[in-house]
């Protein structure tokens, strides 16, 4: 992910908000407070770390524990190829038929 477009977007939003407030910090804060009054937070509000901890403990006590499944593994074709090569080498070593082929890098005239 390139961060430059994100930073440019943040800068553009900041400039727009500054222009809307007419470079006046007090006006900007008043506009933000008015917006917060029009759009109240719908979820629960946690005022301290202790309150958050107690809510978490209460939630863990009432909900069943999550099921333990197999972890999600991302398929990586390079790693899969390495595993195939190692497996074939392992079988060749056990059979005693490991043959190294020496190929010339270029033909001599």
N, C-alpha and C. Protein backbone atom coordinates (compact mmCIF):
# COMPACT_ATOMS: atom_id res chain seq x y z
N UNK A 1 0.85 -1.17 0.00
CA UNK A 1 0.00 0.00 0.00
C UNK A 1 0.89 1.23 0.00
N UNK A 2 0.61 2.16 -0.88
CA UNK A 2 1.36 3.39 -0.94
C UNK A 2 0.72 4.39 0.01
N UNK A 3 1.53 5.01 0.87
CA UNK A 3 1.00 5.93 1.86
C UNK A 3 0.84 7.33 1.32
N UNK A 4 1.53 7.67 0.24
CA UNK A 4 1.46 9.04 -0.27
C UNK A 4 0.05 9.46 -0.66
N UNK A 5 -0.74 8.64 -1.38
CA UNK A 5 -2.12 9.07 -1.68
C UNK A 5 -2.96 9.27 -0.43
N UNK A 6 -2.74 8.47 0.58
CA UNK A 6 -3.49 8.63 1.83
C UNK A 6 -3.13 9.95 2.49
N UNK A 7 -1.83 10.25 2.54
CA UNK A 7 -1.40 11.51 3.15
C UNK A 7 -1.92 12.71 2.36
N UNK A 8 -1.93 12.60 1.03
CA UNK A 8 -2.46 13.68 0.21
C UNK A 8 -3.94 13.90 0.47
N UNK A 9 -4.70 12.80 0.62
CA UNK A 9 -6.12 12.90 0.91
C UNK A 9 -6.36 13.53 2.28
N UNK A 10 -5.57 13.13 3.28
CA UNK A 10 -5.70 13.73 4.61
C UNK A 10 -5.41 15.23 4.57
N UNK A 11 -4.38 15.60 3.84
CA UNK A 11 -4.03 17.01 3.72
C UNK A 11 -5.15 17.79 3.03
N UNK A 12 -5.76 17.20 2.01
CA UNK A 12 -6.86 17.87 1.30
C UNK A 12 -8.07 18.05 2.21
N UNK A 13 -8.39 17.04 3.02
CA UNK A 13 -9.51 17.15 3.95
C UNK A 13 -9.23 18.22 4.99
N UNK A 14 -8.00 18.23 5.50
CA UNK A 14 -7.62 19.25 6.49
C UNK A 14 -7.76 20.64 5.90
N UNK A 15 -7.27 20.83 4.68
CA UNK A 15 -7.36 22.14 4.04
C UNK A 15 -8.81 22.55 3.81
N UNK A 16 -9.68 21.58 3.44
CA UNK A 16 -11.09 21.89 3.24
C UNK A 16 -11.76 22.31 4.55
N UNK A 17 -11.44 21.60 5.65
CA UNK A 17 -12.03 21.95 6.94
C UNK A 17 -11.54 23.31 7.42
N UNK A 18 -10.28 23.61 7.17
CA UNK A 18 -9.73 24.92 7.55
C UNK A 18 -10.42 26.02 6.75
N UNK A 19 -10.63 25.77 5.45
CA UNK A 19 -11.30 26.77 4.61
C UNK A 19 -12.75 26.96 5.05
N UNK A 20 -13.44 25.86 5.42
CA UNK A 20 -14.83 25.96 5.89
C UNK A 20 -14.93 26.79 7.16
N UNK A 21 -13.91 26.72 8.00
CA UNK A 21 -13.93 27.46 9.26
C UNK A 21 -13.33 28.85 9.11
N UNK A 22 -12.87 29.21 7.91
CA UNK A 22 -12.30 30.53 7.69
C UNK A 22 -11.03 30.77 8.49
N UNK A 23 -10.20 29.74 8.64
CA UNK A 23 -8.93 29.82 9.41
C UNK A 23 -9.16 30.21 10.87
N UNK A 24 -10.35 29.94 11.40
CA UNK A 24 -10.67 30.30 12.78
C UNK A 24 -10.84 29.01 13.58
N UNK A 25 -9.93 28.77 14.52
CA UNK A 25 -9.95 27.54 15.31
C UNK A 25 -11.22 27.44 16.15
N UNK A 26 -11.65 28.56 16.74
CA UNK A 26 -12.85 28.53 17.58
C UNK A 26 -14.08 28.15 16.74
N UNK A 27 -14.18 28.69 15.53
CA UNK A 27 -15.30 28.36 14.65
C UNK A 27 -15.25 26.88 14.27
N UNK A 28 -14.05 26.37 13.98
CA UNK A 28 -13.89 24.95 13.64
C UNK A 28 -14.37 24.07 14.79
N UNK A 29 -13.96 24.40 16.02
CA UNK A 29 -14.37 23.59 17.18
C UNK A 29 -15.88 23.69 17.41
N UNK A 30 -16.46 24.87 17.19
CA UNK A 30 -17.91 25.01 17.33
C UNK A 30 -18.65 24.18 16.28
N UNK A 31 -18.12 24.16 15.04
CA UNK A 31 -18.73 23.35 13.99
C UNK A 31 -18.63 21.86 14.32
N UNK A 32 -17.48 21.45 14.87
CA UNK A 32 -17.31 20.04 15.24
C UNK A 32 -18.27 19.66 16.36
N UNK A 33 -18.43 20.54 17.34
CA UNK A 33 -19.35 20.27 18.45
C UNK A 33 -20.79 20.18 17.95
N UNK A 34 -21.17 21.05 17.02
CA UNK A 34 -22.52 21.02 16.45
C UNK A 34 -22.74 19.71 15.69
N UNK A 35 -21.73 19.27 14.95
CA UNK A 35 -21.86 18.02 14.21
C UNK A 35 -22.03 16.85 15.18
N UNK A 36 -21.26 16.86 16.28
CA UNK A 36 -21.37 15.78 17.26
C UNK A 36 -22.75 15.76 17.92
N UNK A 37 -23.34 16.93 18.12
CA UNK A 37 -24.68 16.98 18.71
C UNK A 37 -25.72 16.42 17.73
N UNK A 38 -25.52 16.67 16.42
CA UNK A 38 -26.44 16.15 15.41
C UNK A 38 -26.27 14.66 15.17
N UNK A 39 -25.06 14.15 15.39
CA UNK A 39 -24.74 12.74 15.13
C UNK A 39 -24.21 12.09 16.41
N UNK A 40 -25.08 11.80 17.37
CA UNK A 40 -24.61 11.22 18.63
C UNK A 40 -24.08 9.80 18.43
N UNK A 41 -23.18 9.42 19.30
CA UNK A 41 -22.60 8.08 19.27
C UNK A 41 -23.65 7.08 19.72
N UNK A 42 -23.88 6.04 18.93
CA UNK A 42 -24.96 5.09 19.22
C UNK A 42 -24.53 3.96 20.14
N UNK A 43 -23.25 3.68 20.22
CA UNK A 43 -22.77 2.54 21.00
C UNK A 43 -22.49 2.90 22.44
N UNK A 44 -22.07 1.89 23.21
CA UNK A 44 -21.74 2.16 24.61
C UNK A 44 -20.45 2.98 24.72
N UNK A 45 -20.38 3.78 25.77
CA UNK A 45 -19.20 4.61 26.01
C UNK A 45 -18.46 4.04 27.21
N UNK A 46 -17.16 3.86 27.06
CA UNK A 46 -16.33 3.36 28.15
C UNK A 46 -15.49 4.53 28.65
N UNK A 47 -15.54 4.77 29.96
CA UNK A 47 -14.87 5.94 30.52
C UNK A 47 -13.54 5.63 31.20
N UNK A 48 -13.23 4.34 31.41
CA UNK A 48 -11.97 4.01 32.06
C UNK A 48 -11.53 2.61 31.67
N UNK A 49 -10.27 2.32 31.93
CA UNK A 49 -9.74 0.99 31.63
C UNK A 49 -10.39 -0.07 32.52
N UNK A 50 -10.71 0.30 33.76
CA UNK A 50 -11.35 -0.64 34.69
C UNK A 50 -12.75 -1.01 34.19
N UNK A 51 -13.47 -0.03 33.68
CA UNK A 51 -14.81 -0.29 33.15
C UNK A 51 -14.73 -1.21 31.93
N UNK A 52 -13.75 -0.97 31.08
CA UNK A 52 -13.56 -1.82 29.91
C UNK A 52 -13.22 -3.25 30.33
N UNK A 53 -12.35 -3.40 31.34
CA UNK A 53 -11.98 -4.72 31.82
C UNK A 53 -13.18 -5.45 32.41
N UNK A 54 -14.01 -4.75 33.16
CA UNK A 54 -15.19 -5.40 33.75
C UNK A 54 -16.19 -5.81 32.67
N UNK A 55 -16.36 -4.98 31.64
CA UNK A 55 -17.25 -5.35 30.53
C UNK A 55 -16.72 -6.57 29.79
N UNK A 56 -15.42 -6.63 29.61
CA UNK A 56 -14.82 -7.77 28.93
C UNK A 56 -15.00 -9.04 29.74
N UNK A 57 -14.78 -8.98 31.04
CA UNK A 57 -14.96 -10.16 31.89
C UNK A 57 -16.42 -10.62 31.90
N UNK A 58 -17.36 -9.67 31.94
CA UNK A 58 -18.77 -10.03 31.93
C UNK A 58 -19.13 -10.68 30.59
N UNK A 59 -18.58 -10.15 29.51
CA UNK A 59 -18.87 -10.72 28.19
C UNK A 59 -18.30 -12.13 28.07
N UNK A 60 -17.08 -12.33 28.56
CA UNK A 60 -16.47 -13.66 28.49
C UNK A 60 -17.23 -14.67 29.34
N UNK A 61 -17.82 -14.21 30.46
CA UNK A 61 -18.57 -15.11 31.34
C UNK A 61 -19.89 -15.55 30.72
N UNK A 62 -20.49 -14.70 29.89
CA UNK A 62 -21.80 -15.03 29.33
C UNK A 62 -21.73 -15.70 27.96
N UNK A 63 -20.66 -15.48 27.22
CA UNK A 63 -20.54 -16.06 25.88
C UNK A 63 -19.76 -17.37 25.92
N UNK A 64 -20.11 -18.30 25.06
CA UNK A 64 -19.32 -19.54 25.01
C UNK A 64 -17.94 -19.26 24.40
N UNK A 65 -16.95 -20.07 24.77
CA UNK A 65 -15.61 -19.85 24.22
C UNK A 65 -15.60 -20.15 22.72
N UNK A 66 -14.74 -19.49 21.98
CA UNK A 66 -14.69 -19.75 20.53
C UNK A 66 -14.19 -21.16 20.25
N UNK A 67 -14.68 -21.74 19.18
CA UNK A 67 -14.25 -23.09 18.82
C UNK A 67 -12.82 -23.06 18.31
N UNK A 68 -12.08 -24.10 18.63
CA UNK A 68 -10.70 -24.19 18.20
C UNK A 68 -10.65 -24.97 16.90
N UNK A 69 -10.39 -24.28 15.83
CA UNK A 69 -10.29 -24.92 14.53
C UNK A 69 -8.86 -24.86 14.03
N UNK A 70 -8.69 -25.33 12.84
CA UNK A 70 -7.37 -25.25 12.24
C UNK A 70 -7.07 -23.80 11.90
N UNK A 71 -5.84 -23.37 12.10
CA UNK A 71 -5.52 -21.98 11.76
C UNK A 71 -5.58 -21.76 10.26
N UNK A 72 -5.90 -20.55 9.88
CA UNK A 72 -5.98 -20.20 8.47
C UNK A 72 -4.57 -20.11 7.91
N UNK A 73 -4.31 -20.85 6.86
CA UNK A 73 -3.01 -20.84 6.22
C UNK A 73 -3.16 -20.29 4.81
N UNK A 74 -2.33 -19.34 4.48
CA UNK A 74 -2.34 -18.75 3.15
C UNK A 74 -1.51 -19.64 2.24
N UNK A 75 -2.03 -19.99 1.06
CA UNK A 75 -1.30 -20.81 0.12
C UNK A 75 -0.29 -19.93 -0.61
N UNK A 76 0.97 -20.28 -0.46
CA UNK A 76 2.04 -19.57 -1.15
C UNK A 76 2.66 -20.54 -2.15
N UNK A 77 2.55 -20.26 -3.45
CA UNK A 77 3.05 -21.22 -4.43
C UNK A 77 4.56 -21.45 -4.35
N UNK A 78 5.33 -20.46 -3.94
CA UNK A 78 6.78 -20.64 -3.81
C UNK A 78 7.10 -21.60 -2.68
N UNK A 79 6.44 -21.41 -1.54
CA UNK A 79 6.66 -22.30 -0.40
C UNK A 79 6.18 -23.70 -0.73
N UNK A 80 5.06 -23.81 -1.45
CA UNK A 80 4.56 -25.14 -1.85
C UNK A 80 5.57 -25.84 -2.75
N UNK A 81 6.19 -25.12 -3.67
CA UNK A 81 7.20 -25.71 -4.56
C UNK A 81 8.42 -26.16 -3.76
N UNK A 82 8.84 -25.37 -2.79
CA UNK A 82 9.97 -25.76 -1.93
C UNK A 82 9.64 -27.04 -1.20
N UNK A 83 8.43 -27.17 -0.69
CA UNK A 83 8.03 -28.40 0.01
C UNK A 83 8.04 -29.60 -0.93
N UNK A 84 7.55 -29.42 -2.16
CA UNK A 84 7.57 -30.52 -3.13
C UNK A 84 9.01 -30.95 -3.45
N UNK A 85 9.89 -29.99 -3.63
CA UNK A 85 11.29 -30.30 -3.94
C UNK A 85 11.94 -31.03 -2.77
N UNK A 86 11.72 -30.55 -1.55
CA UNK A 86 12.29 -31.20 -0.37
C UNK A 86 11.78 -32.64 -0.23
N UNK A 87 10.47 -32.82 -0.49
CA UNK A 87 9.90 -34.15 -0.38
C UNK A 87 10.51 -35.10 -1.40
N UNK A 88 10.66 -34.63 -2.65
CA UNK A 88 11.25 -35.50 -3.68
C UNK A 88 12.72 -35.79 -3.36
N UNK A 89 13.44 -34.81 -2.86
CA UNK A 89 14.84 -35.06 -2.46
C UNK A 89 14.92 -36.05 -1.31
N UNK A 90 13.98 -35.95 -0.38
CA UNK A 90 13.97 -36.86 0.76
C UNK A 90 13.79 -38.31 0.28
N UNK A 91 12.84 -38.53 -0.65
CA UNK A 91 12.61 -39.88 -1.17
C UNK A 91 13.81 -40.37 -1.98
N UNK A 92 14.43 -39.50 -2.75
CA UNK A 92 15.61 -39.89 -3.52
C UNK A 92 16.78 -40.25 -2.61
N UNK A 93 16.95 -39.51 -1.52
CA UNK A 93 18.03 -39.81 -0.58
C UNK A 93 17.79 -41.15 0.11
N UNK A 94 16.54 -41.44 0.45
CA UNK A 94 16.23 -42.71 1.09
C UNK A 94 16.46 -43.88 0.14
N UNK A 95 16.18 -43.67 -1.14
CA UNK A 95 16.37 -44.74 -2.12
C UNK A 95 17.83 -44.86 -2.56
N UNK A 96 18.64 -43.85 -2.28
CA UNK A 96 20.04 -43.87 -2.67
C UNK A 96 20.25 -43.61 -4.14
N UNK A 97 19.32 -42.95 -4.79
CA UNK A 97 19.43 -42.73 -6.23
C UNK A 97 19.57 -41.25 -6.57
N UNK A 98 20.21 -40.49 -5.73
CA UNK A 98 20.38 -39.07 -5.99
C UNK A 98 21.45 -38.88 -7.05
N UNK A 99 21.07 -38.27 -8.16
CA UNK A 99 22.00 -38.05 -9.27
C UNK A 99 22.03 -36.56 -9.55
N UNK A 100 23.22 -36.00 -9.52
CA UNK A 100 23.39 -34.59 -9.84
C UNK A 100 23.79 -34.48 -11.30
N UNK A 101 23.09 -33.69 -12.05
CA UNK A 101 23.38 -33.52 -13.46
C UNK A 101 24.15 -32.22 -13.64
N UNK A 102 25.28 -32.34 -14.31
CA UNK A 102 26.10 -31.19 -14.56
C UNK A 102 25.87 -30.74 -16.01
N UNK A 103 25.26 -29.59 -16.17
CA UNK A 103 24.94 -29.09 -17.49
C UNK A 103 25.85 -27.92 -17.81
N UNK A 104 26.39 -27.86 -19.02
CA UNK A 104 27.24 -26.75 -19.39
C UNK A 104 26.43 -25.47 -19.49
N UNK A 105 27.06 -24.36 -19.13
CA UNK A 105 26.36 -23.09 -19.18
C UNK A 105 26.29 -22.54 -20.60
N UNK A 106 27.29 -22.83 -21.42
CA UNK A 106 27.25 -22.41 -22.83
C UNK A 106 28.02 -23.41 -23.65
N UNK A 107 27.65 -23.54 -24.91
CA UNK A 107 28.32 -24.52 -25.77
C UNK A 107 29.58 -23.90 -26.34
N UNK A 108 30.65 -24.70 -26.36
CA UNK A 108 31.93 -24.27 -26.93
C UNK A 108 31.94 -24.62 -28.42
N UNK A 109 32.37 -23.69 -29.34
CA UNK A 109 32.40 -24.02 -30.78
C UNK A 109 33.57 -24.92 -31.14
